[in-house]
Amino acid sequence: MRGVSFVFSFIVIWYLVNFHLLKLGSSEVGFFRKIKYVQSFAIA
């Protein structure tokens, strides 16, 4: 059951990230910015 919830949360996060990139317009800059944000969040 834990694995299912993990996959579901991962899909939700992936959907939100993709939606954010589409809204941003320039996907490449937004993608790198998102990676930096995720890395800083993971380190903190």
PDB file of N, CA and C in Angstrom:
ATOM      1  N   MET A   1       0.830  -1.200   0.000  1.00  0.00           N
ATOM      2  CA  MET A   1       0.000   0.000   0.000  1.00  0.00           C
ATOM      3  C   MET A   1       0.870   1.258   0.000  1.00  0.00           C
ATOM      4  N   ARG A   2       2.000   1.173   0.718  1.00  0.00           N
ATOM      5  CA  ARG A   2       2.899   2.324   0.763  1.00  0.00           C
ATOM      6  C   ARG A   2       3.458   2.623  -0.626  1.00  0.00           C
ATOM      7  N   GLY A   3       3.760   1.569  -1.392  1.00  0.00           N
ATOM      8  CA  GLY A   3       4.299   1.764  -2.741  1.00  0.00           C
ATOM      9  C   GLY A   3       3.295   2.464  -3.645  1.00  0.00           C
ATOM     10  N   VAL A   4       2.016   2.114  -3.506  1.00  0.00           N
ATOM     11  CA  VAL A   4       0.981   2.721  -4.339  1.00  0.00           C
ATOM     12  C   VAL A   4       0.879   4.207  -4.041  1.00  0.00           C
ATOM     13  N   SER A   5       0.898   4.570  -2.765  1.00  0.00           N
ATOM     14  CA  SER A   5       0.790   5.978  -2.390  1.00  0.00           C
ATOM     15  C   SER A   5       2.014   6.748  -2.866  1.00  0.00           C
ATOM     16  N   PHE A   6       3.190   6.087  -2.829  1.00  0.00           N
ATOM     17  CA  PHE A   6       4.417   6.740  -3.293  1.00  0.00           C
ATOM     18  C   PHE A   6       4.340   7.024  -4.786  1.00  0.00           C
ATOM     19  N   VAL A   7       3.879   6.046  -5.555  1.00  0.00           N
ATOM     20  CA  VAL A   7       3.740   6.228  -7.006  1.00  0.00           C
ATOM     21  C   VAL A   7       2.719   7.321  -7.299  1.00  0.00           C
ATOM     22  N   PHE A   8       1.622   7.337  -6.554  1.00  0.00           N
ATOM     23  CA  PHE A   8       0.584   8.335  -6.769  1.00  0.00           C
ATOM     24  C   PHE A   8       1.119   9.735  -6.494  1.00  0.00           C
ATOM     25  N   SER A   9       1.851   9.893  -5.389  1.00  0.00           N
ATOM     26  CA  SER A   9       2.410  11.208  -5.054  1.00  0.00           C
ATOM     27  C   SER A   9       3.437  11.626  -6.099  1.00  0.00           C
ATOM     28  N   PHE A  10       4.230  10.666  -6.607  1.00  0.00           N
ATOM     29  CA  PHE A  10       5.222  10.970  -7.636  1.00  0.00           C
ATOM     30  C   PHE A  10       4.542  11.451  -8.906  1.00  0.00           C
ATOM     31  N   ILE A  11       3.436  10.793  -9.288  1.00  0.00           N
ATOM     32  CA  ILE A  11       2.691  11.197 -10.487  1.00  0.00           C
ATOM     33  C   ILE A  11       2.119  12.594 -10.307  1.00  0.00           C
ATOM     34  N   VAL A  12       1.597  12.873  -9.115  1.00  0.00           N
ATOM     35  CA  VAL A  12       1.024  14.201  -8.847  1.00  0.00           C
ATOM     36  C   VAL A  12       2.100  15.272  -8.946  1.00  0.00           C
ATOM     37  N   ILE A  13       3.277  14.998  -8.345  1.00  0.00           N
ATOM     38  CA  ILE A  13       4.386  15.963  -8.393  1.00  0.00           C
ATOM     39  C   ILE A  13       4.831  16.169  -9.833  1.00  0.00           C
ATOM     40  N   TRP A  14       4.962  15.064 -10.604  1.00  0.00           N
ATOM     41  CA  TRP A  14       5.384  15.150 -12.002  1.00  0.00           C
ATOM     42  C   TRP A  14       4.392  15.980 -12.817  1.00  0.00           C
ATOM     43  N   TYR A  15       3.071  15.770 -12.545  1.00  0.00           N
ATOM     44  CA  TYR A  15       2.034  16.530 -13.252  1.00  0.00           C
ATOM     45  C   TYR A  15       2.142  18.016 -12.925  1.00  0.00           C
ATOM     46  N   LEU A  16       2.358  18.330 -11.643  1.00  0.00           N
ATOM     47  CA  LEU A  16       2.467  19.727 -11.235  1.00  0.00           C
ATOM     48  C   LEU A  16       3.693  20.373 -11.866  1.00  0.00           C
ATOM     49  N   VAL A  17       4.806  19.630 -11.918  1.00  0.00           N
ATOM     50  CA  VAL A  17       6.037  20.173 -12.519  1.00  0.00           C
ATOM     51  C   VAL A  17       5.818  20.447 -14.006  1.00  0.00           C
ATOM     52  N   ASN A  18       5.216  19.485 -14.714  1.00  0.00           N
ATOM     53  CA  ASN A  18       4.963  19.665 -16.143  1.00  0.00           C
ATOM     54  C   ASN A  18       4.018  20.831 -16.395  1.00  0.00           C
ATOM     55  N   PHE A  19       2.983  20.961 -15.561  1.00  0.00           N
ATOM     56  CA  PHE A  19       2.034  22.066 -15.700  1.00  0.00           C
ATOM     57  C   PHE A  19       2.741  23.397 -15.472  1.00  0.00           C
ATOM     58  N   HIS A  20       3.653  23.417 -14.491  1.00  0.00           N
ATOM     59  CA  HIS A  20       4.416  24.632 -14.189  1.00  0.00           C
ATOM     60  C   HIS A  20       5.315  24.998 -15.375  1.00  0.00           C
ATOM     61  N   LEU A  21       5.926  23.981 -15.990  1.00  0.00           N
ATOM     62  CA  LEU A  21       6.806  24.237 -17.141  1.00  0.00           C
ATOM     63  C   LEU A  21       6.002  24.783 -18.315  1.00  0.00           C
ATOM     64  N   LEU A  22       4.817  24.214 -18.553  1.00  0.00           N
ATOM     65  CA  LEU A  22       3.989  24.685 -19.658  1.00  0.00           C
ATOM     66  C   LEU A  22       3.561  26.125 -19.416  1.00  0.00           C
ATOM     67  N   LYS A  23       3.238  26.456 -18.155  1.00  0.00           N
ATOM     68  CA  LYS A  23       2.817  27.812 -17.825  1.00  0.00           C
ATOM     69  C   LYS A  23       3.977  28.783 -17.968  1.00  0.00           C
ATOM     70  N   LEU A  24       5.193  28.303 -17.696  1.00  0.00           N
ATOM     71  CA  LEU A  24       6.362  29.177 -17.729  1.00  0.00           C
ATOM     72  C   LEU A  24       6.661  29.634 -19.148  1.00  0.00           C
ATOM     73  N   GLY A  25       6.403  28.760 -20.133  1.00  0.00           N
ATOM     74  CA  GLY A  25       6.653  29.148 -21.521  1.00  0.00           C
ATOM     75  C   GLY A  25       8.000  28.601 -21.971  1.00  0.00           C
ATOM     76  N   SER A  26       9.093  29.223 -21.524  1.00  0.00           N
ATOM     77  CA  SER A  26      10.426  28.735 -21.887  1.00  0.00           C
ATOM     78  C   SER A  26      10.724  27.525 -21.008  1.00  0.00           C
ATOM     79  N   SER A  27      10.497  26.325 -21.552  1.00  0.00           N
ATOM     80  CA  SER A  27      10.550  25.102 -20.750  1.00  0.00           C
ATOM     81  C   SER A  27      11.966  24.812 -20.258  1.00  0.00           C
ATOM     82  N   GLU A  28      12.968  25.134 -21.070  1.00  0.00           N
ATOM     83  CA  GLU A  28      14.341  24.774 -20.700  1.00  0.00           C
ATOM     84  C   GLU A  28      14.787  25.539 -19.454  1.00  0.00           C
ATOM     85  N   VAL A  29      14.587  26.846 -19.464  1.00  0.00           N
ATOM     86  CA  VAL A  29      14.976  27.661 -18.307  1.00  0.00           C
ATOM     87  C   VAL A  29      14.177  27.242 -17.077  1.00  0.00           C
ATOM     88  N   GLY A  30      12.884  27.023 -17.269  1.00  0.00           N
ATOM     89  CA  GLY A  30      12.035  26.616 -16.158  1.00  0.00           C
ATOM     90  C   GLY A  30      12.450  25.262 -15.607  1.00  0.00           C
ATOM     91  N   PHE A  31      12.874  24.364 -16.513  1.00  0.00           N
ATOM     92  CA  PHE A  31      13.272  23.027 -16.094  1.00  0.00           C
ATOM     93  C   PHE A  31      14.518  23.090 -15.229  1.00  0.00           C
ATOM     94  N   PHE A  32      15.526  23.842 -15.672  1.00  0.00           N
ATOM     95  CA  PHE A  32      16.750  23.956 -14.894  1.00  0.00           C
ATOM     96  C   PHE A  32      16.492  24.664 -13.566  1.00  0.00           C
ATOM     97  N   ARG A  33      15.620  25.658 -13.594  1.00  0.00           N
ATOM     98  CA  ARG A  33      15.271  26.375 -12.371  1.00  0.00           C
ATOM     99  C   ARG A  33      14.570  25.435 -11.396  1.00  0.00           C
ATOM    100  N   LYS A  34      13.717  24.556 -11.942  1.00  0.00           N
ATOM    101  CA  LYS A  34      12.989  23.601 -11.108  1.00  0.00           C
ATOM    102  C   LYS A  34      13.958  22.594 -10.492  1.00  0.00           C
ATOM    103  N   ILE A  35      14.957  22.143 -11.282  1.00  0.00           N
ATOM    104  CA  ILE A  35      15.946  21.199 -10.764  1.00  0.00           C
ATOM    105  C   ILE A  35      16.712  21.831  -9.608  1.00  0.00           C
ATOM    106  N   LYS A  36      17.121  23.082  -9.776  1.00  0.00           N
ATOM    107  CA  LYS A  36      17.847  23.786  -8.713  1.00  0.00           C
ATOM    108  C   LYS A  36      16.973  23.899  -7.471  1.00  0.00           C
ATOM    109  N   TYR A  37      15.691  24.202  -7.668  1.00  0.00           N
ATOM    110  CA  TYR A  37      14.768  24.338  -6.547  1.00  0.00           C
ATOM    111  C   TYR A  37      14.598  23.007  -5.818  1.00  0.00           C
ATOM    112  N   VAL A  38      14.443  21.924  -6.586  1.00  0.00           N
ATOM    113  CA  VAL A  38      14.259  20.599  -5.988  1.00  0.00           C
ATOM    114  C   VAL A  38      15.526  20.185  -5.241  1.00  0.00           C
ATOM    115  N   GLN A  39      16.700  20.473  -5.825  1.00  0.00           N
ATOM    116  CA  GLN A  39      17.957  20.111  -5.176  1.00  0.00           C
ATOM    117  C   GLN A  39      18.112  20.864  -3.855  1.00  0.00           C
ATOM    118  N   SER A  40      17.829  22.155  -3.851  1.00  0.00           N
ATOM    119  CA  SER A  40      17.953  22.951  -2.631  1.00  0.00           C
ATOM    120  C   SER A  40      16.952  22.462  -1.591  1.00  0.00           C
ATOM    121  N   PHE A  41      15.760  22.059  -2.042  1.00  0.00           N
ATOM    122  CA  PHE A  41      14.739  21.557  -1.125  1.00  0.00           C
ATOM    123  C   PHE A  41      15.166  20.219  -0.531  1.00  0.00           C
ATOM    124  N   ALA A  42      15.795  19.366  -1.371  1.00  0.00           N
ATOM    125  CA  ALA A  42      16.233  18.052  -0.899  1.00  0.00           C
ATOM    126  C   ALA A  42      17.385  18.188   0.101  1.00  0.00           C
ATOM    127  N   ILE A  43      18.261  19.154  -0.138  1.00  0.00           N
ATOM    128  CA  ILE A  43      19.411  19.351   0.752  1.00  0.00           C
ATOM    129  C   ILE A  43      18.943  19.905   2.096  1.00  0.00           C
ATOM    130  N   ALA A  44      17.988  20.832   2.069  1.00  0.00           N
ATOM    131  CA  ALA A  44      17.517  21.480   3.297  1.00  0.00           C
ATOM    132  C   ALA A  44      16.808  20.491   4.227  1.00  0.00           C
TER     133      ALA A  44
END
